[in-house]
């Protein structure tokens, strides 16, 4: 049986800051989990695209939406808003932005290794 582990985002292994947001990354035996905080007015295509240098977000995500609202537009035209308590699975090829005046916070179990690099 594996050893129990305990980590906190308050002591993240890495913090990646970008305009209007940040990604806090913790590692577990070669796996990474990210907590992303997006401030009101944040949009991937405006604030992270210059870092990623891709037409849309190519990092796939499997995430839990903790707070705030996040609109997602897939490259195929599918669009929806994720609310607190929602879980989303996003393949590569999307844009996203904060809806409203509250920060959006998500926890991502899949795309943290490459997000905002």
C-alpha atoms as a PDB file:
ATOM      1  CA  UNK A   1       0.000   0.000   0.000  1.00  0.00           C
ATOM      2  CA  UNK A   2       1.384   3.453  -0.903  1.00  0.00           C
ATOM      3  CA  UNK A   3       2.315   5.950   1.797  1.00  0.00           C
ATOM      4  CA  UNK A   4      -0.207   8.652   2.623  1.00  0.00           C
ATOM      5  CA  UNK A   5       0.724  12.111   1.384  1.00  0.00           C
ATOM      6  CA  UNK A   6      -0.454  15.570   2.272  1.00  0.00           C
ATOM      7  CA  UNK A   7       0.196  18.724   0.244  1.00  0.00           C
ATOM      8  CA  UNK A   8      -1.131  22.268   0.286  1.00  0.00           C
ATOM      9  CA  UNK A   9      -1.414  24.840  -2.468  1.00  0.00           C
ATOM     10  CA  UNK A  10      -0.276  27.411   0.100  1.00  0.00           C
ATOM     11  CA  UNK A  11       3.148  25.730  -0.176  1.00  0.00           C
ATOM     12  CA  UNK A  12       3.089  25.018  -3.912  1.00  0.00           C
ATOM     13  CA  UNK A  13       6.124  23.583  -5.685  1.00  0.00           C
ATOM     14  CA  UNK A  14       5.729  26.179  -8.409  1.00  0.00           C
ATOM     15  CA  UNK A  15       3.665  29.329  -8.949  1.00  0.00           C
ATOM     16  CA  UNK A  16       3.183  30.566 -12.502  1.00  0.00           C
ATOM     17  CA  UNK A  17       1.846  34.103 -12.650  1.00  0.00           C
ATOM     18  CA  UNK A  18       0.250  35.629 -15.720  1.00  0.00           C
ATOM     19  CA  UNK A  19      -1.868  38.754 -16.295  1.00  0.00           C
ATOM     20  CA  UNK A  20      -4.979  38.612 -14.092  1.00  0.00           C
ATOM     21  CA  UNK A  21      -4.198  35.185 -12.657  1.00  0.00           C
ATOM     22  CA  UNK A  22      -1.889  32.491 -11.397  1.00  0.00           C
ATOM     23  CA  UNK A  23      -1.376  28.733 -11.418  1.00  0.00           C
ATOM     24  CA  UNK A  24      -0.199  27.073  -8.202  1.00  0.00           C
ATOM     25  CA  UNK A  25       1.271  23.620  -8.860  1.00  0.00           C
ATOM     26  CA  UNK A  26       1.882  20.781  -6.384  1.00  0.00           C
ATOM     27  CA  UNK A  27       3.620  17.528  -7.352  1.00  0.00           C
ATOM     28  CA  UNK A  28       2.846  13.995  -6.223  1.00  0.00           C
ATOM     29  CA  UNK A  29       5.278  11.335  -7.414  1.00  0.00           C
ATOM     30  CA  UNK A  30       5.557  12.608 -10.970  1.00  0.00           C
ATOM     31  CA  UNK A  31       1.954  13.863 -11.181  1.00  0.00           C
ATOM     32  CA  UNK A  32       0.966  17.494 -10.891  1.00  0.00           C
ATOM     33  CA  UNK A  33      -2.215  19.142  -9.637  1.00  0.00           C
ATOM     34  CA  UNK A  34      -2.888  22.802 -10.279  1.00  0.00           C
ATOM     35  CA  UNK A  35      -5.061  25.394  -8.593  1.00  0.00           C
ATOM     36  CA  UNK A  36      -5.793  28.196 -11.029  1.00  0.00           C
ATOM     37  CA  UNK A  37      -7.072  31.595  -9.943  1.00  0.00           C
ATOM     38  CA  UNK A  38      -8.491  33.841 -12.656  1.00  0.00           C
ATOM     39  CA  UNK A  39      -9.403  37.428 -11.745  1.00  0.00           C
ATOM     40  CA  UNK A  40     -12.382  39.302 -13.219  1.00  0.00           C
ATOM     41  CA  UNK A  41     -11.568  40.367 -16.762  1.00  0.00           C
ATOM     42  CA  UNK A  42      -9.210  37.415 -17.357  1.00  0.00           C
ATOM     43  CA  UNK A  43      -9.426  35.691 -20.734  1.00  0.00           C
ATOM     44  CA  UNK A  44      -7.091  32.962 -21.999  1.00  0.00           C
ATOM     45  CA  UNK A  45      -6.813  34.448 -25.504  1.00  0.00           C
ATOM     46  CA  UNK A  46      -5.777  37.816 -24.052  1.00  0.00           C
ATOM     47  CA  UNK A  47      -3.769  36.915 -20.959  1.00  0.00           C
ATOM     48  CA  UNK A  48      -2.168  33.490 -21.568  1.00  0.00           C
ATOM     49  CA  UNK A  49      -2.053  33.162 -25.366  1.00  0.00           C
ATOM     50  CA  UNK A  50       1.042  35.427 -25.562  1.00  0.00           C
ATOM     51  CA  UNK A  51       2.847  32.999 -23.204  1.00  0.00           C
ATOM     52  CA  UNK A  52       1.618  29.815 -24.884  1.00  0.00           C
ATOM     53  CA  UNK A  53       2.106  31.092 -28.441  1.00  0.00           C
ATOM     54  CA  UNK A  54      -0.724  28.875 -29.740  1.00  0.00           C
ATOM     55  CA  UNK A  55      -3.995  29.833 -31.436  1.00  0.00           C
ATOM     56  CA  UNK A  56      -6.042  28.392 -28.560  1.00  0.00           C
ATOM     57  CA  UNK A  57      -5.326  26.617 -25.280  1.00  0.00           C
ATOM     58  CA  UNK A  58      -3.680  23.303 -26.117  1.00  0.00           C
ATOM     59  CA  UNK A  59      -3.515  22.070 -22.499  1.00  0.00           C
ATOM     60  CA  UNK A  60      -6.256  19.488 -21.878  1.00  0.00           C
ATOM     61  CA  UNK A  61      -7.960  19.887 -18.501  1.00  0.00           C
ATOM     62  CA  UNK A  62      -9.913  17.753 -16.042  1.00  0.00           C
ATOM     63  CA  UNK A  63     -10.989  20.226 -13.429  1.00  0.00           C
ATOM     64  CA  UNK A  64     -13.271  20.979 -10.518  1.00  0.00           C
ATOM     65  CA  UNK A  65     -14.686  24.502 -10.363  1.00  0.00           C
ATOM     66  CA  UNK A  66     -14.331  25.798  -6.808  1.00  0.00           C
ATOM     67  CA  UNK A  67     -15.686  29.327  -7.139  1.00  0.00           C
ATOM     68  CA  UNK A  68     -16.618  31.967  -9.680  1.00  0.00           C
ATOM     69  CA  UNK A  69     -17.905  31.338 -13.185  1.00  0.00           C
ATOM     70  CA  UNK A  70     -15.804  30.396 -16.190  1.00  0.00           C
ATOM     71  CA  UNK A  71     -17.072  30.506 -19.770  1.00  0.00           C
ATOM     72  CA  UNK A  72     -15.482  27.999 -22.149  1.00  0.00           C
ATOM     73  CA  UNK A  73     -15.536  28.127 -25.953  1.00  0.00           C
ATOM     74  CA  UNK A  74     -14.217  25.038 -27.728  1.00  0.00           C
ATOM     75  CA  UNK A  75     -12.614  25.384 -31.165  1.00  0.00           C
ATOM     76  CA  UNK A  76     -15.556  23.392 -32.598  1.00  0.00           C
ATOM     77  CA  UNK A  77     -17.970  26.132 -31.426  1.00  0.00           C
ATOM     78  CA  UNK A  78     -19.294  24.352 -28.313  1.00  0.00           C
ATOM     79  CA  UNK A  79     -19.755  26.937 -25.567  1.00  0.00           C
ATOM     80  CA  UNK A  80     -20.861  26.664 -21.931  1.00  0.00           C
ATOM     81  CA  UNK A  81     -20.393  28.267 -18.520  1.00  0.00           C
ATOM     82  CA  UNK A  82     -18.950  26.269 -15.626  1.00  0.00           C
ATOM     83  CA  UNK A  83     -20.282  27.189 -12.187  1.00  0.00           C
ATOM     84  CA  UNK A  84     -18.975  26.357  -8.697  1.00  0.00           C
ATOM     85  CA  UNK A  85     -19.348  22.624  -8.065  1.00  0.00           C
ATOM     86  CA  UNK A  86     -19.070  21.698 -11.751  1.00  0.00           C
ATOM     87  CA  UNK A  87     -16.501  19.292 -13.176  1.00  0.00           C
ATOM     88  CA  UNK A  88     -15.234  19.835 -16.721  1.00  0.00           C
ATOM     89  CA  UNK A  89     -13.165  17.740 -19.087  1.00  0.00           C
ATOM     90  CA  UNK A  90     -11.689  19.896 -21.830  1.00  0.00           C
ATOM     91  CA  UNK A  91      -9.648  18.531 -24.707  1.00  0.00           C
ATOM     92  CA  UNK A  92      -7.040  20.686 -26.400  1.00  0.00           C
ATOM     93  CA  UNK A  93      -8.398  23.591 -28.408  1.00  0.00           C
ATOM     94  CA  UNK A  94     -10.390  26.083 -26.354  1.00  0.00           C
ATOM     95  CA  UNK A  95     -10.622  29.615 -25.007  1.00  0.00           C
ATOM     96  CA  UNK A  96     -11.994  30.576 -21.577  1.00  0.00           C
ATOM     97  CA  UNK A  97     -12.863  33.739 -19.657  1.00  0.00           C
ATOM     98  CA  UNK A  98     -14.199  34.851 -16.295  1.00  0.00           C
ATOM     99  CA  UNK A  99     -17.906  35.667 -16.215  1.00  0.00           C
ATOM    100  CA  UNK A 100     -18.944  38.320 -13.684  1.00  0.00           C
ATOM    101  CA  UNK A 101     -17.092  40.169 -10.961  1.00  0.00           C
ATOM    102  CA  UNK A 102     -15.810  37.280  -8.839  1.00  0.00           C
ATOM    103  CA  UNK A 103     -12.519  35.431  -9.328  1.00  0.00           C
ATOM    104  CA  UNK A 104     -12.850  31.949 -10.834  1.00  0.00           C
ATOM    105  CA  UNK A 105     -10.882  29.217  -9.061  1.00  0.00           C
ATOM    106  CA  UNK A 106     -10.416  25.706 -10.467  1.00  0.00           C
ATOM    107  CA  UNK A 107      -8.446  22.637  -9.429  1.00  0.00           C
ATOM    108  CA  UNK A 108      -6.992  20.770 -12.419  1.00  0.00           C
ATOM    109  CA  UNK A 109      -5.820  17.157 -12.281  1.00  0.00           C
ATOM    110  CA  UNK A 110      -4.700  16.856 -15.884  1.00  0.00           C
ATOM    111  CA  UNK A 111      -3.336  20.001 -17.555  1.00  0.00           C
ATOM    112  CA  UNK A 112      -1.184  21.497 -14.794  1.00  0.00           C
ATOM    113  CA  UNK A 113       2.145  20.262 -16.166  1.00  0.00           C
ATOM    114  CA  UNK A 114       1.936  22.452 -19.269  1.00  0.00           C
ATOM    115  CA  UNK A 115      -0.423  25.296 -18.318  1.00  0.00           C
ATOM    116  CA  UNK A 116       0.828  28.896 -18.699  1.00  0.00           C
ATOM    117  CA  UNK A 117       4.344  27.915 -19.743  1.00  0.00           C
END
